[in-house]
PDB file of N, CA and C in Angstrom:
ATOM      1  N   MET A   1       5.133  15.241 -10.414  1.00  0.00           N
ATOM      2  CA  MET A   1       5.299  16.027 -11.817  1.00  0.00           C
ATOM      3  C   MET A   1       4.947  14.792 -12.660  1.00  0.00           C
ATOM      4  N   ILE A   2       4.695  14.893 -13.435  1.00  0.00           N
ATOM      5  CA  ILE A   2       4.186  14.288 -15.005  1.00  0.00           C
ATOM      6  C   ILE A   2       5.195  14.809 -16.023  1.00  0.00           C
ATOM      7  N   GLN A   3       5.792  13.818 -16.316  1.00  0.00           N
ATOM      8  CA  GLN A   3       6.273  14.864 -17.529  1.00  0.00           C
ATOM      9  C   GLN A   3       6.440  13.259 -19.219  1.00  0.00           C
ATOM     10  N   PHE A   4       5.797  14.422 -19.617  1.00  0.00           N
ATOM     11  CA  PHE A   4       5.570  13.551 -21.387  1.00  0.00           C
ATOM     12  C   PHE A   4       6.644  13.017 -22.052  1.00  0.00           C
ATOM     13  N   VAL A   5       6.915  11.242 -22.405  1.00  0.00           N
ATOM     14  CA  VAL A   5       7.745  11.094 -22.971  1.00  0.00           C
ATOM     15  C   VAL A   5       6.680  10.550 -24.295  1.00  0.00           C
ATOM     16  N   GLY A   6       7.848  10.078 -25.430  1.00  0.00           N
ATOM     17  CA  GLY A   6       7.468  10.128 -26.911  1.00  0.00           C
ATOM     18  C   GLY A   6       6.878   9.103 -27.562  1.00  0.00           C
ATOM     19  N   SER A   7       7.545   8.303 -26.569  1.00  0.00           N
ATOM     20  CA  SER A   7       6.904   6.717 -26.715  1.00  0.00           C
ATOM     21  C   SER A   7       7.024   5.465 -25.719  1.00  0.00           C
ATOM     22  N   LEU A   8       7.036   3.799 -26.458  1.00  0.00           N
ATOM     23  CA  LEU A   8       6.473   3.556 -24.887  1.00  0.00           C
ATOM     24  C   LEU A   8       7.729   2.794 -24.476  1.00  0.00           C
ATOM     25  N   GLN A   9       8.919   2.679 -25.134  1.00  0.00           N
ATOM     26  CA  GLN A   9      10.010   2.700 -24.826  1.00  0.00           C
ATOM     27  C   GLN A   9      10.710   3.675 -23.816  1.00  0.00           C
ATOM     28  N   ASP A  10       9.886   4.749 -23.417  1.00  0.00           N
ATOM     29  CA  ASP A  10      10.432   5.891 -22.791  1.00  0.00           C
ATOM     30  C   ASP A  10       9.749   5.722 -21.387  1.00  0.00           C
ATOM     31  N   VAL A  11       8.200   5.388 -21.803  1.00  0.00           N
ATOM     32  CA  VAL A  11       7.873   4.652 -20.622  1.00  0.00           C
ATOM     33  C   VAL A  11       8.370   3.543 -19.639  1.00  0.00           C
ATOM     34  N   ASP A  12       8.639   2.368 -20.196  1.00  0.00           N
ATOM     35  CA  ASP A  12       9.761   1.396 -20.089  1.00  0.00           C
ATOM     36  C   ASP A  12      10.226   2.070 -18.923  1.00  0.00           C
ATOM     37  N   ASN A  13      11.736   2.655 -19.700  1.00  0.00           N
ATOM     38  CA  ASN A  13      12.475   3.194 -18.867  1.00  0.00           C
ATOM     39  C   ASN A  13      12.584   3.594 -17.228  1.00  0.00           C
ATOM     40  N   LEU A  14      11.522   3.857 -17.818  1.00  0.00           N
ATOM     41  CA  LEU A  14      11.249   4.777 -16.291  1.00  0.00           C
ATOM     42  C   LEU A  14      10.444   3.460 -14.952  1.00  0.00           C
ATOM     43  N   HIS A  15      10.278   2.511 -15.816  1.00  0.00           N
ATOM     44  CA  HIS A  15       9.404   1.037 -14.768  1.00  0.00           C
ATOM     45  C   HIS A  15      10.482   0.857 -13.791  1.00  0.00           C
ATOM     46  N   GLY A  16       9.174   1.367 -12.164  1.00  0.00           N
ATOM     47  CA  GLY A  16       9.180   1.407 -11.265  1.00  0.00           C
ATOM     48  C   GLY A  16       9.288   3.070  -9.955  1.00  0.00           C
ATOM     49  N   ILE A  17       9.048   3.744 -10.479  1.00  0.00           N
ATOM     50  CA  ILE A  17       8.944   5.456 -10.545  1.00  0.00           C
ATOM     51  C   ILE A  17       7.397   4.949  -9.517  1.00  0.00           C
ATOM     52  N   ARG A  18       7.454   5.683  -8.541  1.00  0.00           N
ATOM     53  CA  ARG A  18       6.037   5.143  -7.954  1.00  0.00           C
ATOM     54  C   ARG A  18       5.691   6.938  -8.035  1.00  0.00           C
ATOM     55  N   ALA A  19       4.489   7.512  -7.342  1.00  0.00           N
ATOM     56  CA  ALA A  19       4.332   8.621  -7.210  1.00  0.00           C
ATOM     57  C   ALA A  19       3.833   8.308  -4.825  1.00  0.00           C
ATOM     58  N   SER A  20       2.609   7.505  -5.403  1.00  0.00           N
ATOM     59  CA  SER A  20       2.573   7.226  -3.780  1.00  0.00           C
ATOM     60  C   SER A  20       1.753   5.505  -3.788  1.00  0.00           C
ATOM     61  N   LYS A  21       1.562   5.191  -3.023  1.00  0.00           N
ATOM     62  CA  LYS A  21       0.905   3.882  -2.657  1.00  0.00           C
ATOM     63  C   LYS A  21      -0.647   3.539  -3.562  1.00  0.00           C
ATOM     64  N   PHE A  22      -1.050   4.483  -2.821  1.00  0.00           N
ATOM     65  CA  PHE A  22      -2.859   4.563  -2.564  1.00  0.00           C
ATOM     66  C   PHE A  22      -3.255   5.791  -4.623  1.00  0.00           C
ATOM     67  N   ALA A  23      -1.946   6.941  -4.750  1.00  0.00           N
ATOM     68  CA  ALA A  23      -2.175   6.424  -6.271  1.00  0.00           C
ATOM     69  C   ALA A  23      -1.425   5.898  -7.495  1.00  0.00           C
ATOM     70  N   PRO A  24      -2.478   6.365  -9.047  1.00  0.00           N
ATOM     71  CA  PRO A  24      -1.703   5.620 -10.209  1.00  0.00           C
ATOM     72  C   PRO A  24      -0.389   5.922  -9.697  1.00  0.00           C
ATOM     73  N   THR A  25       0.529   5.166 -10.256  1.00  0.00           N
ATOM     74  CA  THR A  25       1.863   4.895 -10.549  1.00  0.00           C
ATOM     75  C   THR A  25       1.743   6.349 -11.360  1.00  0.00           C
ATOM     76  N   VAL A  26       3.077   6.935 -11.785  1.00  0.00           N
ATOM     77  CA  VAL A  26       3.910   7.776 -12.447  1.00  0.00           C
ATOM     78  C   VAL A  26       3.401   6.937 -13.830  1.00  0.00           C
ATOM     79  N   GLU A  27       4.290   5.548 -14.067  1.00  0.00           N
ATOM     80  CA  GLU A  27       4.136   5.373 -14.912  1.00  0.00           C
ATOM     81  C   GLU A  27       3.066   4.405 -15.739  1.00  0.00           C
ATOM     82  N   ASP A  28       1.763   4.185 -14.508  1.00  0.00           N
ATOM     83  CA  ASP A  28       0.792   3.695 -15.389  1.00  0.00           C
ATOM     84  C   ASP A  28       0.431   5.383 -15.707  1.00  0.00           C
ATOM     85  N   GLU A  29       0.162   6.975 -15.021  1.00  0.00           N
ATOM     86  CA  GLU A  29      -0.211   7.788 -16.018  1.00  0.00           C
ATOM     87  C   GLU A  29       0.107   8.304 -17.093  1.00  0.00           C
ATOM     88  N   MET A  30       1.761   7.817 -17.643  1.00  0.00           N
ATOM     89  CA  MET A  30       2.682   8.218 -18.729  1.00  0.00           C
ATOM     90  C   MET A  30       2.144   7.197 -19.299  1.00  0.00           C
ATOM     91  N   LEU A  31       1.492   6.438 -19.546  1.00  0.00           N
ATOM     92  CA  LEU A  31       0.866   5.157 -20.060  1.00  0.00           C
ATOM     93  C   LEU A  31      -0.264   5.349 -20.655  1.00  0.00           C
ATOM     94  N   VAL A  32      -1.437   6.101 -19.437  1.00  0.00           N
ATOM     95  CA  VAL A  32      -2.223   6.195 -20.492  1.00  0.00           C
ATOM     96  C   VAL A  32      -2.604   7.227 -20.586  1.00  0.00           C
ATOM     97  N   LYS A  33      -1.391   8.170 -20.793  1.00  0.00           N
ATOM     98  CA  LYS A  33      -1.226   9.917 -21.745  1.00  0.00           C
ATOM     99  C   LYS A  33      -1.020   8.968 -23.283  1.00  0.00           C
ATOM    100  N   GLU A  34      -0.154   8.522 -22.991  1.00  0.00           N
ATOM    101  CA  GLU A  34      -0.161   7.537 -24.385  1.00  0.00           C
ATOM    102  C   GLU A  34      -0.779   6.519 -25.187  1.00  0.00           C
ATOM    103  N   LEU A  35      -1.317   5.934 -24.984  1.00  0.00           N
ATOM    104  CA  LEU A  35      -2.697   5.065 -25.564  1.00  0.00           C
ATOM    105  C   LEU A  35      -3.231   6.974 -25.578  1.00  0.00           C
ATOM    106  N   LEU A  36      -3.709   7.122 -25.695  1.00  0.00           N
ATOM    107  CA  LEU A  36      -5.552   8.080 -25.256  1.00  0.00           C
ATOM    108  C   LEU A  36      -4.401   8.982 -26.595  1.00  0.00           C
ATOM    109  N   GLN A  37      -3.347   8.662 -27.134  1.00  0.00           N
ATOM    110  CA  GLN A  37      -3.210   9.548 -28.413  1.00  0.00           C
ATOM    111  C   GLN A  37      -3.309   8.792 -29.652  1.00  0.00           C
ATOM    112  N   TYR A  38      -3.417   8.038 -29.386  1.00  0.00           N
ATOM    113  CA  TYR A  38      -4.315   6.366 -30.899  1.00  0.00           C
ATOM    114  C   TYR A  38      -5.241   5.928 -30.155  1.00  0.00           C
ATOM    115  N   MET A  39      -6.614   6.539 -29.302  1.00  0.00           N
ATOM    116  CA  MET A  39      -7.065   6.424 -29.639  1.00  0.00           C
ATOM    117  C   MET A  39      -7.638   6.954 -30.396  1.00  0.00           C
ATOM    118  N   SER A  40      -9.615   6.392 -30.957  1.00  0.00           N
ATOM    119  CA  SER A  40     -10.413   7.955 -32.037  1.00  0.00           C
ATOM    120  C   SER A  40     -11.188   8.541 -30.852  1.00  0.00           C
ATOM    121  N   GLN A  41     -11.400   9.279 -31.512  1.00  0.00           N
ATOM    122  CA  GLN A  41     -12.139  10.683 -30.251  1.00  0.00           C
ATOM    123  C   GLN A  41     -12.989   9.816 -29.735  1.00  0.00           C
ATOM    124  N   ARG A  42     -13.870   9.076 -30.314  1.00  0.00           N
ATOM    125  CA  ARG A  42     -15.094   8.061 -29.589  1.00  0.00           C
ATOM    126  C   ARG A  42     -14.748   7.425 -28.844  1.00  0.00           C
ATOM    127  N   THR A  43     -13.380   6.756 -28.966  1.00  0.00           N
ATOM    128  CA  THR A  43     -13.037   5.659 -27.602  1.00  0.00           C
ATOM    129  C   THR A  43     -12.340   6.223 -26.517  1.00  0.00           C
ATOM    130  N   ARG A  44     -11.394   7.638 -27.222  1.00  0.00           N
ATOM    131  CA  ARG A  44     -11.188   8.325 -25.528  1.00  0.00           C
ATOM    132  C   ARG A  44     -12.532   8.828 -25.223  1.00  0.00           C
ATOM    133  N   GLN A  45     -13.410   9.476 -25.288  1.00  0.00           N
ATOM    134  CA  GLN A  45     -14.946   9.956 -25.197  1.00  0.00           C
ATOM    135  C   GLN A  45     -15.239   8.660 -23.853  1.00  0.00           C
ATOM    136  N   SER A  46     -15.456   7.479 -24.724  1.00  0.00           N
ATOM    137  CA  SER A  46     -15.698   5.865 -23.397  1.00  0.00           C
ATOM    138  C   SER A  46     -15.470   6.137 -22.509  1.00  0.00           C
ATOM    139  N   PHE A  47     -13.342   6.265 -22.790  1.00  0.00           N
ATOM    140  CA  PHE A  47     -12.781   6.359 -22.005  1.00  0.00           C
ATOM    141  C   PHE A  47     -13.059   7.519 -20.483  1.00  0.00           C
ATOM    142  N   TYR A  48     -13.061   8.606 -20.561  1.00  0.00           N
ATOM    143  CA  TYR A  48     -12.885   9.274 -20.330  1.00  0.00           C
ATOM    144  C   TYR A  48     -14.370   9.131 -19.340  1.00  0.00           C
ATOM    145  N   LEU A  49     -15.606   8.853 -19.887  1.00  0.00           N
ATOM    146  CA  LEU A  49     -16.938   8.730 -19.346  1.00  0.00           C
ATOM    147  C   LEU A  49     -16.873   7.823 -18.117  1.00  0.00           C
ATOM    148  N   ARG A  50     -16.570   6.634 -18.579  1.00  0.00           N
ATOM    149  CA  ARG A  50     -16.337   5.724 -18.048  1.00  0.00           C
ATOM    150  C   ARG A  50     -15.634   5.538 -17.233  1.00  0.00           C
ATOM    151  N   THR A  51     -14.706   6.388 -17.199  1.00  0.00           N
ATOM    152  CA  THR A  51     -13.433   5.955 -16.373  1.00  0.00           C
ATOM    153  C   THR A  51     -13.673   7.588 -15.043  1.00  0.00           C
ATOM    154  N   ASN A  52     -14.645   8.835 -15.150  1.00  0.00           N
ATOM    155  CA  ASN A  52     -15.801   9.396 -14.947  1.00  0.00           C
ATOM    156  C   ASN A  52     -16.549   8.530 -13.764  1.00  0.00           C
ATOM    157  N   GLY A  53     -16.957   6.951 -13.309  1.00  0.00           N
ATOM    158  CA  GLY A  53     -17.964   6.995 -13.144  1.00  0.00           C
ATOM    159  C   GLY A  53     -18.860   6.372 -13.939  1.00  0.00           C
ATOM    160  N   TYR A  54     -19.535   6.770 -15.622  1.00  0.00           N
ATOM    161  CA  TYR A  54     -20.834   7.023 -16.459  1.00  0.00           C
ATOM    162  C   TYR A  54     -20.802   5.259 -16.196  1.00  0.00           C
ATOM    163  N   SER A  55     -21.934   4.650 -16.499  1.00  0.00           N
ATOM    164  CA  SER A  55     -21.996   3.418 -16.802  1.00  0.00           C
ATOM    165  C   SER A  55     -21.858   3.441 -18.686  1.00  0.00           C
ATOM    166  N   TRP A  56     -22.375   2.353 -18.857  1.00  0.00           N
ATOM    167  CA  TRP A  56     -22.146   1.558 -20.406  1.00  0.00           C
ATOM    168  C   TRP A  56     -23.264   2.675 -20.933  1.00  0.00           C
ATOM    169  N   LYS A  57     -24.765   2.194 -20.352  1.00  0.00           N
ATOM    170  CA  LYS A  57     -25.630   2.756 -21.231  1.00  0.00           C
ATOM    171  C   LYS A  57     -25.741   4.074 -21.115  1.00  0.00           C
ATOM    172  N   GLU A  58     -24.820   5.131 -19.888  1.00  0.00           N
ATOM    173  CA  GLU A  58     -24.638   6.350 -19.954  1.00  0.00           C
ATOM    174  C   GLU A  58     -24.113   7.219 -20.593  1.00  0.00           C
ATOM    175  N   THR A  59     -22.643   6.279 -20.771  1.00  0.00           N
ATOM    176  CA  THR A  59     -21.353   6.413 -21.835  1.00  0.00           C
ATOM    177  C   THR A  59     -22.887   6.487 -23.885  1.00  0.00           C
ATOM    178  N   ALA A  60     -22.974   5.075 -23.828  1.00  0.00           N
ATOM    179  CA  ALA A  60     -23.925   4.816 -25.097  1.00  0.00           C
ATOM    180  C   ALA A  60     -25.377   6.477 -25.214  1.00  0.00           C
ATOM    181  N   ARG A  61     -25.843   6.860 -24.361  1.00  0.00           N
ATOM    182  CA  ARG A  61     -26.806   7.825 -24.370  1.00  0.00           C
ATOM    183  C   ARG A  61     -25.978   8.688 -25.512  1.00  0.00           C
ATOM    184  N   PHE A  62     -24.261   9.228 -24.676  1.00  0.00           N
ATOM    185  CA  PHE A  62     -24.647  10.277 -25.220  1.00  0.00           C
ATOM    186  C   PHE A  62     -23.385  10.413 -26.606  1.00  0.00           C
ATOM    187  N   LEU A  63     -23.015   9.059 -26.464  1.00  0.00           N
ATOM    188  CA  LEU A  63     -22.720   8.663 -28.084  1.00  0.00           C
ATOM    189  C   LEU A  63     -23.609   8.065 -29.034  1.00  0.00           C
ATOM    190  N   LYS A  64     -25.062   8.241 -28.615  1.00  0.00           N
ATOM    191  CA  LYS A  64     -26.040   7.608 -29.435  1.00  0.00           C
ATOM    192  C   LYS A  64     -26.101   6.696 -29.890  1.00  0.00           C
ATOM    193  N   THR A  65     -25.490   5.850 -29.499  1.00  0.00           N
ATOM    194  CA  THR A  65     -25.608   4.001 -30.098  1.00  0.00           C
ATOM    195  C   THR A  65     -26.110   2.854 -28.596  1.00  0.00           C
ATOM    196  N   THR A  66     -26.156   2.812 -28.326  1.00  0.00           N
ATOM    197  CA  THR A  66     -26.540   1.842 -27.549  1.00  0.00           C
ATOM    198  C   THR A  66     -24.945   1.469 -26.792  1.00  0.00           C
ATOM    199  N   ALA A  67     -25.891   0.293 -25.750  1.00  0.00           N
ATOM    200  CA  ALA A  67     -25.102   0.347 -24.744  1.00  0.00           C
ATOM    201  C   ALA A  67     -24.167  -0.756 -25.173  1.00  0.00           C
ATOM    202  N   ASN A  68     -24.286  -1.877 -25.537  1.00  0.00           N
ATOM    203  CA  ASN A  68     -23.118  -2.916 -26.252  1.00  0.00           C
ATOM    204  C   ASN A  68     -22.935  -3.013 -27.048  1.00  0.00           C
ATOM    205  N   SER A  69     -23.279  -1.905 -27.820  1.00  0.00           N
ATOM    206  CA  SER A  69     -22.570  -1.132 -29.598  1.00  0.00           C
ATOM    207  C   SER A  69     -21.464  -0.538 -29.259  1.00  0.00           C
ATOM    208  N   ALA A  70     -21.412   0.691 -27.871  1.00  0.00           N
ATOM    209  CA  ALA A  70     -19.990   1.526 -27.125  1.00  0.00           C
ATOM    210  C   ALA A  70     -18.976   0.584 -26.607  1.00  0.00           C
ATOM    211  N   GLN A  71     -19.584  -0.925 -25.686  1.00  0.00           N
ATOM    212  CA  GLN A  71     -18.681  -1.722 -25.504  1.00  0.00           C
ATOM    213  C   GLN A  71     -17.757  -2.344 -26.484  1.00  0.00           C
ATOM    214  N   VAL A  72     -18.985  -3.230 -27.130  1.00  0.00           N
ATOM    215  CA  VAL A  72     -18.164  -3.670 -27.962  1.00  0.00           C
ATOM    216  C   VAL A  72     -17.427  -2.459 -29.094  1.00  0.00           C
ATOM    217  N   LEU A  73     -17.598  -1.802 -29.415  1.00  0.00           N
ATOM    218  CA  LEU A  73     -16.833  -0.987 -30.015  1.00  0.00           C
ATOM    219  C   LEU A  73     -14.930  -0.333 -29.291  1.00  0.00           C
ATOM    220  N   PHE A  74     -15.353  -0.185 -27.799  1.00  0.00           N
ATOM    221  CA  PHE A  74     -14.603   0.409 -26.920  1.00  0.00           C
ATOM    222  C   PHE A  74     -13.858  -0.792 -26.857  1.00  0.00           C
ATOM    223  N   ASN A  75     -14.392  -2.271 -26.849  1.00  0.00           N
ATOM    224  CA  ASN A  75     -13.085  -3.365 -26.658  1.00  0.00           C
ATOM    225  C   ASN A  75     -12.479  -3.792 -27.820  1.00  0.00           C
ATOM    226  N   LYS A  76     -12.690  -3.241 -29.021  1.00  0.00           N
ATOM    227  CA  LYS A  76     -12.009  -3.932 -30.184  1.00  0.00           C
ATOM    228  C   LYS A  76     -11.045  -2.839 -29.914  1.00  0.00           C
ATOM    229  N   GLU A  77     -11.332  -1.391 -29.873  1.00  0.00           N
ATOM    230  CA  GLU A  77     -10.070  -0.287 -30.343  1.00  0.00           C
ATOM    231  C   GLU A  77      -9.622  -0.751 -29.167  1.00  0.00           C
ATOM    232  N   ILE A  78      -9.785  -1.212 -27.642  1.00  0.00           N
ATOM    233  CA  ILE A  78      -8.109  -1.122 -26.543  1.00  0.00           C
ATOM    234  C   ILE A  78      -7.598  -2.427 -27.513  1.00  0.00           C
ATOM    235  N   GLY A  79      -8.575  -4.128 -27.687  1.00  0.00           N
ATOM    236  CA  GLY A  79      -7.560  -4.817 -28.356  1.00  0.00           C
ATOM    237  C   GLY A  79      -6.928  -4.030 -29.277  1.00  0.00           C
ATOM    238  N   LYS A  80      -6.764  -3.675 -30.529  1.00  0.00           N
ATOM    239  CA  LYS A  80      -6.196  -3.288 -31.524  1.00  0.00           C
ATOM    240  C   LYS A  80      -4.935  -2.356 -30.260  1.00  0.00           C
ATOM    241  N   LEU A  81      -4.659  -1.544 -29.297  1.00  0.00           N
ATOM    242  CA  LEU A  81      -4.368  -1.464 -28.109  1.00  0.00           C
ATOM    243  C   LEU A  81      -3.080  -1.824 -28.313  1.00  0.00           C
ATOM    244  N   ARG A  82      -3.974  -2.939 -27.791  1.00  0.00           N
ATOM    245  CA  ARG A  82      -3.137  -3.691 -27.278  1.00  0.00           C
ATOM    246  C   ARG A  82      -2.151  -4.853 -27.804  1.00  0.00           C
ATOM    247  N   SER A  83      -2.737  -4.926 -29.290  1.00  0.00           N
ATOM    248  CA  SER A  83      -2.246  -5.433 -30.616  1.00  0.00           C
ATOM    249  C   SER A  83      -0.696  -4.537 -30.977  1.00  0.00           C
ATOM    250  N   ARG A  84      -0.870  -3.361 -30.337  1.00  0.00           N
ATOM    251  CA  ARG A  84       0.051  -1.758 -30.968  1.00  0.00           C
ATOM    252  C   ARG A  84       0.934  -2.164 -30.045  1.00  0.00           C
ATOM    253  N   ILE A  85       0.725  -2.012 -28.723  1.00  0.00           N
ATOM    254  CA  ILE A  85       2.330  -2.239 -27.536  1.00  0.00           C
ATOM    255  C   ILE A  85       2.578  -3.753 -27.705  1.00  0.00           C
ATOM    256  N   LEU A  86       2.370  -4.977 -27.653  1.00  0.00           N
ATOM    257  CA  LEU A  86       3.092  -6.245 -28.284  1.00  0.00           C
ATOM    258  C   LEU A  86       3.765  -6.490 -28.880  1.00  0.00           C
ATOM    259  N   LYS A  87       3.308  -5.812 -30.370  1.00  0.00           N
ATOM    260  CA  LYS A  87       4.260  -5.674 -31.529  1.00  0.00           C
ATOM    261  C   LYS A  87       5.517  -3.911 -30.292  1.00  0.00           C
ATOM    262  N   VAL A  88       5.424  -3.009 -29.973  1.00  0.00           N
ATOM    263  CA  VAL A  88       5.966  -2.493 -29.737  1.00  0.00           C
ATOM    264  C   VAL A  88       7.847  -3.270 -28.751  1.00  0.00           C
ATOM    265  N   LYS A  89       6.896  -3.880 -27.442  1.00  0.00           N
ATOM    266  CA  LYS A  89       7.184  -4.637 -26.673  1.00  0.00           C
ATOM    267  C   LYS A  89       7.830  -6.358 -27.103  1.00  0.00           C
ATOM    268  N   GLY A  90       7.199  -6.563 -27.815  1.00  0.00           N
ATOM    269  CA  GLY A  90       7.896  -7.715 -28.426  1.00  0.00           C
ATOM    270  C   GLY A  90       6.493  -9.705 -27.386  1.00  0.00           C
ATOM    271  N   PRO A  91       6.584 -10.037 -27.780  1.00  0.00           N
ATOM    272  CA  PRO A  91       5.562 -11.303 -27.605  1.00  0.00           C
ATOM    273  C   PRO A  91       7.128 -11.435 -26.354  1.00  0.00           C
ATOM    274  N   GLY A  92       6.038 -11.831 -25.283  1.00  0.00           N
ATOM    275  CA  GLY A  92       6.648 -12.030 -24.282  1.00  0.00           C
ATOM    276  C   GLY A  92       6.922 -11.207 -23.174  1.00  0.00           C
ATOM    277  N   ARG A  93       7.072 -10.336 -23.261  1.00  0.00           N
ATOM    278  CA  ARG A  93       6.849  -9.116 -22.872  1.00  0.00           C
ATOM    279  C   ARG A  93       5.254  -8.772 -22.460  1.00  0.00           C
ATOM    280  N   ARG A  94       5.993  -7.933 -20.625  1.00  0.00           N
ATOM    281  CA  ARG A  94       4.371  -6.980 -20.626  1.00  0.00           C
ATOM    282  C   ARG A  94       4.619  -5.393 -20.300  1.00  0.00           C
ATOM    283  N   PRO A  95       3.920  -4.732 -20.311  1.00  0.00           N
ATOM    284  CA  PRO A  95       3.782  -3.967 -19.157  1.00  0.00           C
ATOM    285  C   PRO A  95       5.427  -3.719 -17.915  1.00  0.00           C
ATOM    286  N   GLY A  96       5.957  -2.657 -18.311  1.00  0.00           N
ATOM    287  CA  GLY A  96       6.993  -2.299 -17.139  1.00  0.00           C
ATOM    288  C   GLY A  96       8.515  -2.816 -17.567  1.00  0.00           C
ATOM    289  N   GLY A  97       8.194  -4.730 -18.591  1.00  0.00           N
ATOM    290  CA  GLY A  97       9.029  -4.975 -18.940  1.00  0.00           C
ATOM    291  C   GLY A  97       9.389  -6.472 -18.528  1.00  0.00           C
ATOM    292  N   GLU A  98       8.989  -6.696 -17.536  1.00  0.00           N
ATOM    293  CA  GLU A  98       8.952  -8.462 -16.972  1.00  0.00           C
ATOM    294  C   GLU A  98       8.909  -9.133 -18.114  1.00  0.00           C
ATOM    295  N   VAL A  99       9.331 -10.317 -18.271  1.00  0.00           N
ATOM    296  CA  VAL A  99       9.426 -11.463 -18.718  1.00  0.00           C
ATOM    297  C   VAL A  99       8.472 -12.364 -19.146  1.00  0.00           C
ATOM    298  N   ASN A 100       7.090 -12.851 -19.549  1.00  0.00           N
ATOM    299  CA  ASN A 100       6.682 -13.591 -18.790  1.00  0.00           C
ATOM    300  C   ASN A 100       7.237 -14.882 -19.273  1.00  0.00           C
ATOM    301  N   GLU A 101       7.144 -15.909 -18.088  1.00  0.00           N
ATOM    302  CA  GLU A 101       8.194 -17.098 -17.909  1.00  0.00           C
ATOM    303  C   GLU A 101       6.570 -18.373 -18.873  1.00  0.00           C
TER     304      GLU A 101
END
């Protein structure tokens, strides 16, 4: 069962919960669900298409742009999300709460 949580801190509190060795972890699924809320519609569409096996060329065709542009815009927004997470978690902390040394 997947439970919706309201913040990255809640996800951090659930660190260590595993659904199975072969399936995505509960923590991963919850983190992705939360991150999707912060993505633009275009980036969310790119994410869904790419995770369902579409190439950048196919994704670009759907978004009516070039493959390069689709990839660059996606990576830019992922970079912004990464920065947002690091601000919440603080520098030196990785997803899952481990401290970088």
